[in-house]
Amino acid sequence: LGVVKLINAVVDAEFATVYTVTDEVIDSSAWAAANEGNAID
């Protein structure tokens, strides 16, 4: 499982997971845009 976390830099603590991806999506040698080209919030 891959995740992108948003970290508060002042207190060095996670406060949100903004993206999650499973092996089924990232198990590829082809480069792909995250979220099929949509921006992560």
PDB file of all heavy atoms in Angstrom:
ATOM      1  N   LEU A   1       0.840  -1.189   0.000  1.00  0.00           N
ATOM      2  CA  LEU A   1       0.000   0.000   0.000  1.00  0.00           C
ATOM      3  C   LEU A   1       0.882   1.248   0.000  1.00  0.00           C
ATOM      4  O   LEU A   1       1.827   1.346   0.769  1.00  0.00           O
ATOM      5  CB  LEU A   1      -0.878   0.010   1.256  1.00  0.00           C
ATOM      6  CG  LEU A   1      -1.845   1.161   1.427  1.00  0.00           C
ATOM      7  CD1 LEU A   1      -2.956   1.072   0.387  1.00  0.00           C
ATOM      8  CD2 LEU A   1      -2.437   1.144   2.832  1.00  0.00           C
ATOM      9  N   GLY A   2       0.546   2.194  -0.870  1.00  0.00           N
ATOM     10  CA  GLY A   2       1.249   3.472  -0.911  1.00  0.00           C
ATOM     11  C   GLY A   2       0.319   4.580  -0.450  1.00  0.00           C
ATOM     12  O   GLY A   2      -0.859   4.584  -0.801  1.00  0.00           O
ATOM     13  N   VAL A   3       0.836   5.497   0.343  1.00  0.00           N
ATOM     14  CA  VAL A   3       0.046   6.638   0.797  1.00  0.00           C
ATOM     15  C   VAL A   3       0.894   7.904   0.716  1.00  0.00           C
ATOM     16  O   VAL A   3       2.119   7.861   0.814  1.00  0.00           O
ATOM     17  CB  VAL A   3      -0.488   6.480   2.247  1.00  0.00           C
ATOM     18  CG1 VAL A   3      -1.458   5.332   2.356  1.00  0.00           C
ATOM     19  CG2 VAL A   3       0.628   6.334   3.248  1.00  0.00           C
ATOM     20  N   VAL A   4       0.206   9.029   0.533  1.00  0.00           N
ATOM     21  CA  VAL A   4       0.840  10.340   0.641  1.00  0.00           C
ATOM     22  C   VAL A   4       0.220  11.013   1.847  1.00  0.00           C
ATOM     23  O   VAL A   4      -1.005  11.121   1.951  1.00  0.00           O
ATOM     24  CB  VAL A   4       0.624  11.189  -0.629  1.00  0.00           C
ATOM     25  CG1 VAL A   4       1.280  12.556  -0.467  1.00  0.00           C
ATOM     26  CG2 VAL A   4       1.168  10.477  -1.864  1.00  0.00           C
ATOM     27  N   LYS A   5       1.083  11.423   2.769  1.00  0.00           N
ATOM     28  CA  LYS A   5       0.627  12.042   4.015  1.00  0.00           C
ATOM     29  C   LYS A   5       0.984  13.519   4.015  1.00  0.00           C
ATOM     30  O   LYS A   5       2.020  13.921   3.487  1.00  0.00           O
ATOM     31  CB  LYS A   5       1.290  11.375   5.220  1.00  0.00           C
ATOM     32  CG  LYS A   5       0.970   9.908   5.348  1.00  0.00           C
ATOM     33  CD  LYS A   5       1.725   9.294   6.504  1.00  0.00           C
ATOM     34  CE  LYS A   5       1.415   7.815   6.629  1.00  0.00           C
ATOM     35  NZ  LYS A   5       2.119   7.231   7.788  1.00  0.00           N
ATOM     36  N   LEU A   6       0.131  14.296   4.624  1.00  0.00           N
ATOM     37  CA  LEU A   6       0.377  15.708   4.847  1.00  0.00           C
ATOM     38  C   LEU A   6       0.883  15.841   6.279  1.00  0.00           C
ATOM     39  O   LEU A   6       0.226  15.405   7.226  1.00  0.00           O
ATOM     40  CB  LEU A   6      -0.924  16.472   4.654  1.00  0.00           C
ATOM     41  CG  LEU A   6      -0.870  17.949   4.361  1.00  0.00           C
ATOM     42  CD1 LEU A   6       0.009  18.255   3.160  1.00  0.00           C
ATOM     43  CD2 LEU A   6      -2.271  18.477   4.118  1.00  0.00           C
ATOM     44  N   ILE A   7       2.081  16.390   6.435  1.00  0.00           N
ATOM     45  CA  ILE A   7       2.750  16.469   7.730  1.00  0.00           C
ATOM     46  C   ILE A   7       2.844  17.932   8.166  1.00  0.00           C
ATOM     47  O   ILE A   7       3.265  18.782   7.391  1.00  0.00           O
ATOM     48  CB  ILE A   7       4.173  15.872   7.652  1.00  0.00           C
ATOM     49  CG1 ILE A   7       4.157  14.455   7.080  1.00  0.00           C
ATOM     50  CG2 ILE A   7       4.873  15.939   9.004  1.00  0.00           C
ATOM     51  CD1 ILE A   7       3.458  13.429   7.912  1.00  0.00           C
ATOM     52  N   ASN A   8       2.473  18.217   9.401  1.00  0.00           N
ATOM     53  CA  ASN A   8       2.639  19.542   9.974  1.00  0.00           C
ATOM     54  C   ASN A   8       4.129  19.709  10.264  1.00  0.00           C
ATOM     55  O   ASN A   8       4.690  19.002  11.096  1.00  0.00           O
ATOM     56  CB  ASN A   8       1.813  19.686  11.252  1.00  0.00           C
ATOM     57  CG  ASN A   8       1.920  21.052  11.862  1.00  0.00           C
ATOM     58  OD1 ASN A   8       3.001  21.579  12.049  1.00  0.00           O
ATOM     59  ND2 ASN A   8       0.769  21.629  12.175  1.00  0.00           N
ATOM     60  N   ALA A   9       4.769  20.637   9.580  1.00  0.00           N
ATOM     61  CA  ALA A   9       6.218  20.802   9.698  1.00  0.00           C
ATOM     62  C   ALA A   9       6.645  21.402  11.030  1.00  0.00           C
ATOM     63  O   ALA A   9       7.780  21.213  11.457  1.00  0.00           O
ATOM     64  CB  ALA A   9       6.729  21.664   8.550  1.00  0.00           C
ATOM     65  N   VAL A  10       5.760  22.101  11.713  1.00  0.00           N
ATOM     66  CA  VAL A  10       6.116  22.732  12.980  1.00  0.00           C
ATOM     67  C   VAL A  10       6.253  21.692  14.089  1.00  0.00           C
ATOM     68  O   VAL A  10       7.206  21.706  14.863  1.00  0.00           O
ATOM     69  CB  VAL A  10       5.083  23.814  13.371  1.00  0.00           C
ATOM     70  CG1 VAL A  10       5.380  24.396  14.736  1.00  0.00           C
ATOM     71  CG2 VAL A  10       5.040  24.908  12.305  1.00  0.00           C
ATOM     72  N   VAL A  11       5.300  20.767  14.166  1.00  0.00           N
ATOM     73  CA  VAL A  11       5.323  19.766  15.234  1.00  0.00           C
ATOM     74  C   VAL A  11       5.705  18.381  14.719  1.00  0.00           C
ATOM     75  O   VAL A  11       5.715  17.421  15.466  1.00  0.00           O
ATOM     76  CB  VAL A  11       3.969  19.698  15.980  1.00  0.00           C
ATOM     77  CG1 VAL A  11       3.695  21.005  16.689  1.00  0.00           C
ATOM     78  CG2 VAL A  11       2.841  19.343  15.032  1.00  0.00           C
ATOM     79  N   ASP A  12       6.024  18.286  13.417  1.00  0.00           N
ATOM     80  CA  ASP A  12       6.446  17.037  12.786  1.00  0.00           C
ATOM     81  C   ASP A  12       5.447  15.908  13.055  1.00  0.00           C
ATOM     82  O   ASP A  12       5.815  14.825  13.511  1.00  0.00           O
ATOM     83  CB  ASP A  12       7.845  16.631  13.238  1.00  0.00           C
ATOM     84  CG  ASP A  12       8.457  15.593  12.307  1.00  0.00           C
ATOM     85  OD1 ASP A  12       8.119  15.584  11.115  1.00  0.00           O
ATOM     86  OD2 ASP A  12       9.277  14.777  12.782  1.00  0.00           O
ATOM     87  N   ALA A  13       4.174  16.182  12.772  1.00  0.00           N
ATOM     88  CA  ALA A  13       3.131  15.195  13.010  1.00  0.00           C
ATOM     89  C   ALA A  13       2.186  15.126  11.813  1.00  0.00           C
ATOM     90  O   ALA A  13       1.845  16.150  11.223  1.00  0.00           O
ATOM     91  CB  ALA A  13       2.342  15.555  14.265  1.00  0.00           C
ATOM     92  N   GLU A  14       1.769  13.917  11.495  1.00  0.00           N
ATOM     93  CA  GLU A  14       0.823  13.716  10.404  1.00  0.00           C
ATOM     94  C   GLU A  14      -0.548  14.259  10.805  1.00  0.00           C
ATOM     95  O   GLU A  14      -1.001  14.053  11.919  1.00  0.00           O
ATOM     96  CB  GLU A  14       0.688  12.229  10.092  1.00  0.00           C
ATOM     97  CG  GLU A  14      -0.376  11.923   9.069  1.00  0.00           C
ATOM     98  CD  GLU A  14      -0.644  10.445   8.890  1.00  0.00           C
ATOM     99  OE1 GLU A  14       0.132   9.618   9.394  1.00  0.00           O
ATOM    100  OE2 GLU A  14      -1.637  10.124   8.242  1.00  0.00           O
ATOM    101  N   PHE A  15      -1.209  14.959   9.862  1.00  0.00           N
ATOM    102  CA  PHE A  15      -2.576  15.344  10.158  1.00  0.00           C
ATOM    103  C   PHE A  15      -3.545  15.004   9.048  1.00  0.00           C
ATOM    104  O   PHE A  15      -4.745  15.219   9.213  1.00  0.00           O
ATOM    105  CB  PHE A  15      -2.703  16.812  10.606  1.00  0.00           C
ATOM    106  CG  PHE A  15      -2.315  17.848   9.598  1.00  0.00           C
ATOM    107  CD1 PHE A  15      -3.236  18.364   8.716  1.00  0.00           C
ATOM    108  CD2 PHE A  15      -1.027  18.329   9.564  1.00  0.00           C
ATOM    109  CE1 PHE A  15      -2.875  19.346   7.812  1.00  0.00           C
ATOM    110  CE2 PHE A  15      -0.664  19.309   8.670  1.00  0.00           C
ATOM    111  CZ  PHE A  15      -1.587  19.809   7.792  1.00  0.00           C
ATOM    112  N   ALA A  16      -3.074  14.416   7.955  1.00  0.00           N
ATOM    113  CA  ALA A  16      -4.005  13.970   6.918  1.00  0.00           C
ATOM    114  C   ALA A  16      -3.307  13.013   5.962  1.00  0.00           C
ATOM    115  O   ALA A  16      -2.130  13.179   5.654  1.00  0.00           O
ATOM    116  CB  ALA A  16      -4.561  15.155   6.148  1.00  0.00           C
ATOM    117  N   THR A  17      -4.038  12.018   5.509  1.00  0.00           N
ATOM    118  CA  THR A  17      -3.609  11.188   4.392  1.00  0.00           C
ATOM    119  C   THR A  17      -4.370  11.700   3.183  1.00  0.00           C
ATOM    120  O   THR A  17      -5.601  11.721   3.185  1.00  0.00           O
ATOM    121  CB  THR A  17      -3.913   9.700   4.639  1.00  0.00           C
ATOM    122  OG1 THR A  17      -3.149   9.264   5.768  1.00  0.00           O
ATOM    123  CG2 THR A  17      -3.547   8.849   3.442  1.00  0.00           C
ATOM    124  N   VAL A  18      -3.639  12.145   2.160  1.00  0.00           N
ATOM    125  CA  VAL A  18      -4.281  12.810   1.025  1.00  0.00           C
ATOM    126  C   VAL A  18      -4.329  11.951  -0.230  1.00  0.00           C
ATOM    127  O   VAL A  18      -4.922  12.345  -1.229  1.00  0.00           O
ATOM    128  CB  VAL A  18      -3.603  14.168   0.724  1.00  0.00           C
ATOM    129  CG1 VAL A  18      -3.840  15.140   1.871  1.00  0.00           C
ATOM    130  CG2 VAL A  18      -2.114  13.995   0.459  1.00  0.00           C
ATOM    131  N   TYR A  19      -3.704  10.774  -0.185  1.00  0.00           N
ATOM    132  CA  TYR A  19      -3.711   9.885  -1.351  1.00  0.00           C
ATOM    133  C   TYR A  19      -3.388   8.476  -0.874  1.00  0.00           C
ATOM    134  O   TYR A  19      -2.489   8.285  -0.055  1.00  0.00           O
ATOM    135  CB  TYR A  19      -2.666  10.349  -2.369  1.00  0.00           C
ATOM    136  CG  TYR A  19      -2.553   9.508  -3.620  1.00  0.00           C
ATOM    137  CD1 TYR A  19      -3.508   9.607  -4.625  1.00  0.00           C
ATOM    138  CD2 TYR A  19      -1.488   8.641  -3.807  1.00  0.00           C
ATOM    139  CE1 TYR A  19      -3.397   8.852  -5.785  1.00  0.00           C
ATOM    140  CE2 TYR A  19      -1.370   7.888  -4.967  1.00  0.00           C
ATOM    141  CZ  TYR A  19      -2.322   7.993  -5.954  1.00  0.00           C
ATOM    142  OH  TYR A  19      -2.216   7.249  -7.102  1.00  0.00           O
ATOM    143  N   THR A  20      -4.117   7.504  -1.386  1.00  0.00           N
ATOM    144  CA  THR A  20      -3.865   6.092  -1.082  1.00  0.00           C
ATOM    145  C   THR A  20      -3.923   5.315  -2.383  1.00  0.00           C
ATOM    146  O   THR A  20      -4.809   5.532  -3.206  1.00  0.00           O
ATOM    147  CB  THR A  20      -4.929   5.541  -0.105  1.00  0.00           C
ATOM    148  OG1 THR A  20      -4.909   6.330   1.086  1.00  0.00           O
ATOM    149  CG2 THR A  20      -4.646   4.098   0.246  1.00  0.00           C
ATOM    150  N   VAL A  21      -2.984   4.402  -2.553  1.00  0.00           N
ATOM    151  CA  VAL A  21      -2.945   3.593  -3.772  1.00  0.00           C
ATOM    152  C   VAL A  21      -2.567   2.160  -3.401  1.00  0.00           C
ATOM    153  O   VAL A  21      -1.758   1.927  -2.514  1.00  0.00           O
ATOM    154  CB  VAL A  21      -1.967   4.200  -4.808  1.00  0.00           C
ATOM    155  CG1 VAL A  21      -0.542   4.176  -4.318  1.00  0.00           C
ATOM    156  CG2 VAL A  21      -2.107   3.529  -6.161  1.00  0.00           C
ATOM    157  N   THR A  22      -3.185   1.197  -4.068  1.00  0.00           N
ATOM    158  CA  THR A  22      -2.914  -0.212  -3.799  1.00  0.00           C
ATOM    159  C   THR A  22      -1.930  -0.786  -4.807  1.00  0.00           C
ATOM    160  O   THR A  22      -1.623  -0.160  -5.820  1.00  0.00           O
ATOM    161  CB  THR A  22      -4.213  -1.036  -3.873  1.00  0.00           C
ATOM    162  OG1 THR A  22      -4.688  -0.994  -5.225  1.00  0.00           O
ATOM    163  CG2 THR A  22      -5.263  -0.497  -2.918  1.00  0.00           C
ATOM    164  N   ASP A  23      -1.471  -1.987  -4.527  1.00  0.00           N
ATOM    165  CA  ASP A  23      -0.536  -2.667  -5.418  1.00  0.00           C
ATOM    166  C   ASP A  23      -1.114  -2.853  -6.817  1.00  0.00           C
ATOM    167  O   ASP A  23      -0.394  -2.875  -7.794  1.00  0.00           O
ATOM    168  CB  ASP A  23      -0.147  -4.025  -4.831  1.00  0.00           C
ATOM    169  CG  ASP A  23      -1.335  -4.966  -4.722  1.00  0.00           C
ATOM    170  OD1 ASP A  23      -2.128  -4.793  -3.771  1.00  0.00           O
ATOM    171  OD2 ASP A  23      -1.487  -5.855  -5.566  1.00  0.00           O
ATOM    172  N   GLU A  24      -2.425  -2.962  -6.932  1.00  0.00           N
ATOM    173  CA  GLU A  24      -3.045  -3.174  -8.240  1.00  0.00           C
ATOM    174  C   GLU A  24      -2.841  -1.983  -9.166  1.00  0.00           C
ATOM    175  O   GLU A  24      -2.793  -2.136 -10.380  1.00  0.00           O
ATOM    176  CB  GLU A  24      -4.532  -3.454  -8.067  1.00  0.00           C
ATOM    177  CG  GLU A  24      -4.794  -4.742  -7.323  1.00  0.00           C
ATOM    178  CD  GLU A  24      -6.235  -4.890  -6.892  1.00  0.00           C
ATOM    179  OE1 GLU A  24      -7.028  -3.944  -7.081  1.00  0.00           O
ATOM    180  OE2 GLU A  24      -6.572  -5.949  -6.357  1.00  0.00           O
ATOM    181  N   VAL A  25      -2.710  -0.790  -8.606  1.00  0.00           N
ATOM    182  CA  VAL A  25      -2.523   0.418  -9.410  1.00  0.00           C
ATOM    183  C   VAL A  25      -1.049   0.674  -9.691  1.00  0.00           C
ATOM    184  O   VAL A  25      -0.677   0.993 -10.818  1.00  0.00           O
ATOM    185  CB  VAL A  25      -3.149   1.642  -8.698  1.00  0.00           C
ATOM    186  CG1 VAL A  25      -2.860   2.924  -9.457  1.00  0.00           C
ATOM    187  CG2 VAL A  25      -4.643   1.437  -8.530  1.00  0.00           C
ATOM    188  N   ILE A  26      -0.183   0.540  -8.687  1.00  0.00           N
ATOM    189  CA  ILE A  26       1.222   0.917  -8.866  1.00  0.00           C
ATOM    190  C   ILE A  26       2.106  -0.231  -9.335  1.00  0.00           C
ATOM    191  O   ILE A  26       3.276  -0.011  -9.596  1.00  0.00           O
ATOM    192  CB  ILE A  26       1.819   1.558  -7.600  1.00  0.00           C
ATOM    193  CG1 ILE A  26       1.754   0.627  -6.404  1.00  0.00           C
ATOM    194  CG2 ILE A  26       1.183   2.883  -7.315  1.00  0.00           C
ATOM    195  CD1 ILE A  26       2.441   1.158  -5.161  1.00  0.00           C
ATOM    196  N   ASP A  27       1.572  -1.420  -9.464  1.00  0.00           N
ATOM    197  CA  ASP A  27       2.388  -2.542  -9.925  1.00  0.00           C
ATOM    198  C   ASP A  27       2.455  -2.517 -11.446  1.00  0.00           C
ATOM    199  O   ASP A  27       1.867  -3.331 -12.125  1.00  0.00           O
ATOM    200  CB  ASP A  27       1.827  -3.875  -9.423  1.00  0.00           C
ATOM    201  CG  ASP A  27       2.832  -5.000  -9.581  1.00  0.00           C
ATOM    202  OD1 ASP A  27       4.023  -4.709  -9.818  1.00  0.00           O
ATOM    203  OD2 ASP A  27       2.429  -6.165  -9.482  1.00  0.00           O
ATOM    204  N   SER A  28       3.170  -1.533 -11.955  1.00  0.00           N
ATOM    205  CA  SER A  28       3.278  -1.330 -13.389  1.00  0.00           C
ATOM    206  C   SER A  28       4.581  -0.631 -13.687  1.00  0.00           C
ATOM    207  O   SER A  28       5.018   0.229 -12.937  1.00  0.00           O
ATOM    208  CB  SER A  28       2.107  -0.460 -13.886  1.00  0.00           C
ATOM    209  OG  SER A  28       2.343  -0.026 -15.197  1.00  0.00           O
ATOM    210  N   SER A  29       5.198  -0.985 -14.782  1.00  0.00           N
ATOM    211  CA  SER A  29       6.426  -0.296 -15.163  1.00  0.00           C
ATOM    212  C   SER A  29       6.122   1.001 -15.903  1.00  0.00           C
ATOM    213  O   SER A  29       7.009   1.799 -16.149  1.00  0.00           O
ATOM    214  CB  SER A  29       7.279  -1.206 -16.045  1.00  0.00           C
ATOM    215  OG  SER A  29       6.556  -1.547 -17.220  1.00  0.00           O
ATOM    216  N   ALA A  30       4.860   1.235 -16.261  1.00  0.00           N
ATOM    217  CA  ALA A  30       4.483   2.445 -16.984  1.00  0.00           C
ATOM    218  C   ALA A  30       4.219   3.588 -16.007  1.00  0.00           C
ATOM    219  O   ALA A  30       3.570   3.399 -14.981  1.00  0.00           O
ATOM    220  CB  ALA A  30       3.238   2.185 -17.815  1.00  0.00           C
ATOM    221  N   TRP A  31       4.726   4.757 -16.311  1.00  0.00           N
ATOM    222  CA  TRP A  31       4.463   5.930 -15.478  1.00  0.00           C
ATOM    223  C   TRP A  31       3.027   6.365 -15.678  1.00  0.00           C
ATOM    224  O   TRP A  31       2.517   6.398 -16.781  1.00  0.00           O
ATOM    225  CB  TRP A  31       5.399   7.079 -15.843  1.00  0.00           C
ATOM    226  CG  TRP A  31       6.777   6.843 -15.333  1.00  0.00           C
ATOM    227  CD1 TRP A  31       7.822   6.298 -16.021  1.00  0.00           C
ATOM    228  CD2 TRP A  31       7.267   7.103 -14.027  1.00  0.00           C
ATOM    229  NE1 TRP A  31       8.920   6.213 -15.216  1.00  0.00           N
ATOM    230  CE2 TRP A  31       8.622   6.705 -13.991  1.00  0.00           C
ATOM    231  CE3 TRP A  31       6.702   7.651 -12.883  1.00  0.00           C
ATOM    232  CZ2 TRP A  31       9.409   6.832 -12.858  1.00  0.00           C
ATOM    233  CZ3 TRP A  31       7.480   7.777 -11.749  1.00  0.00           C
ATOM    234  CH2 TRP A  31       8.829   7.373 -11.741  1.00  0.00           C
ATOM    235  N   ALA A  32       2.376   6.703 -14.603  1.00  0.00           N
ATOM    236  CA  ALA A  32       0.987   7.153 -14.667  1.00  0.00           C
ATOM    237  C   ALA A  32       0.823   8.387 -13.798  1.00  0.00           C
ATOM    238  O   ALA A  32       1.446   8.501 -12.750  1.00  0.00           O
ATOM    239  CB  ALA A  32       0.048   6.056 -14.171  1.00  0.00           C
ATOM    240  N   ALA A  33      -0.022   9.302 -14.238  1.00  0.00           N
ATOM    241  CA  ALA A  33      -0.308  10.486 -13.425  1.00  0.00           C
ATOM    242  C   ALA A  33      -1.173  10.066 -12.252  1.00  0.00           C
ATOM    243  O   ALA A  33      -2.041   9.209 -12.373  1.00  0.00           O
ATOM    244  CB  ALA A  33      -1.021  11.537 -14.259  1.00  0.00           C
ATOM    245  N   ALA A  34      -0.922  10.646 -11.109  1.00  0.00           N
ATOM    246  CA  ALA A  34      -1.702  10.321  -9.910  1.00  0.00           C
ATOM    247  C   ALA A  34      -3.172  10.619 -10.139  1.00  0.00           C
ATOM    248  O   ALA A  34      -3.530  11.592 -10.780  1.00  0.00           O
ATOM    249  CB  ALA A  34      -1.188  11.138  -8.735  1.00  0.00           C
ATOM    250  N   ASN A  35      -4.013   9.766  -9.592  1.00  0.00           N
ATOM    251  CA  ASN A  35      -5.461   9.943  -9.680  1.00  0.00           C
ATOM    252  C   ASN A  35      -5.927  10.174 -11.115  1.00  0.00           C
ATOM    253  O   ASN A  35      -6.814  10.968 -11.374  1.00  0.00           O
ATOM    254  CB  ASN A  35      -5.933  11.120  -8.817  1.00  0.00           C
ATOM    255  CG  ASN A  35      -5.764  10.850  -7.348  1.00  0.00           C
ATOM    256  OD1 ASN A  35      -5.721   9.711  -6.921  1.00  0.00           O
ATOM    257  ND2 ASN A  35      -5.662  11.896  -6.568  1.00  0.00           N
ATOM    258  N   GLU A  36      -5.313   9.498 -12.048  1.00  0.00           N
ATOM    259  CA  GLU A  36      -5.654   9.624 -13.471  1.00  0.00           C
ATOM    260  C   GLU A  36      -5.608  11.072 -13.930  1.00  0.00           C
ATOM    261  O   GLU A  36      -6.455  11.548 -14.666  1.00  0.00           O
ATOM    262  CB  GLU A  36      -7.021   8.993 -13.742  1.00  0.00           C
ATOM    263  CG  GLU A  36      -7.045   7.515 -13.415  1.00  0.00           C
ATOM    264  CD  GLU A  36      -8.415   6.894 -13.583  1.00  0.00           C
ATOM    265  OE1 GLU A  36      -9.356   7.591 -13.977  1.00  0.00           O
ATOM    266  OE2 GLU A  36      -8.517   5.700 -13.319  1.00  0.00           O
ATOM    267  N   GLY A  37      -4.595  11.822 -13.479  1.00  0.00           N
ATOM    268  CA  GLY A  37      -4.388  13.179 -13.934  1.00  0.00           C
ATOM    269  C   GLY A  37      -5.053  14.247 -13.094  1.00  0.00           C
ATOM    270  O   GLY A  37      -4.860  15.428 -13.332  1.00  0.00           O
ATOM    271  N   ASN A  38      -5.832  13.874 -12.092  1.00  0.00           N
ATOM    272  CA  ASN A  38      -6.469  14.865 -11.233  1.00  0.00           C
ATOM    273  C   ASN A  38      -5.536  15.246 -10.097  1.00  0.00           C
ATOM    274  O   ASN A  38      -4.746  14.448  -9.630  1.00  0.00           O
ATOM    275  CB  ASN A  38      -7.779  14.315 -10.654  1.00  0.00           C
ATOM    276  CG  ASN A  38      -8.790  14.030 -11.730  1.00  0.00           C
ATOM    277  OD1 ASN A  38      -8.931  14.795 -12.669  1.00  0.00           O
ATOM    278  ND2 ASN A  38      -9.492  12.924 -11.606  1.00  0.00           N
ATOM    279  N   ALA A  39      -5.669  16.459  -9.641  1.00  0.00           N
ATOM    280  CA  ALA A  39      -4.827  16.944  -8.556  1.00  0.00           C
ATOM    281  C   ALA A  39      -5.263  16.347  -7.220  1.00  0.00           C
ATOM    282  O   ALA A  39      -6.437  16.088  -7.000  1.00  0.00           O
ATOM    283  CB  ALA A  39      -4.903  18.466  -8.486  1.00  0.00           C
ATOM    284  N   ILE A  40      -4.306  16.117  -6.351  1.00  0.00           N
ATOM    285  CA  ILE A  40      -4.593  15.681  -4.991  1.00  0.00           C
ATOM    286  C   ILE A  40      -4.980  16.920  -4.188  1.00  0.00           C
ATOM    287  O   ILE A  40      -4.349  17.965  -4.285  1.00  0.00           O
ATOM    288  CB  ILE A  40      -3.363  15.003  -4.370  1.00  0.00           C
ATOM    289  CG1 ILE A  40      -3.063  13.714  -5.105  1.00  0.00           C
ATOM    290  CG2 ILE A  40      -3.578  14.738  -2.894  1.00  0.00           C
ATOM    291  CD1 ILE A  40      -1.788  13.062  -4.667  1.00  0.00           C
ATOM    292  N   ASP A  41      -5.994  16.800  -3.375  1.00  0.00           N
ATOM    293  CA  ASP A  41      -6.488  17.917  -2.568  1.00  0.00           C
ATOM    294  C   ASP A  41      -5.614  18.104  -1.336  1.00  0.00           C
ATOM    295  O   ASP A  41      -5.542  17.224  -0.472  1.00  0.00           O
ATOM    296  CB  ASP A  41      -7.933  17.650  -2.161  1.00  0.00           C
ATOM    297  CG  ASP A  41      -8.556  18.787  -1.379  1.00  0.00           C
ATOM    298  OD1 ASP A  41      -7.927  19.857  -1.261  1.00  0.00           O
ATOM    299  OD2 ASP A  41      -9.688  18.600  -0.901  1.00  0.00           O
TER     300      ASP A  41
END
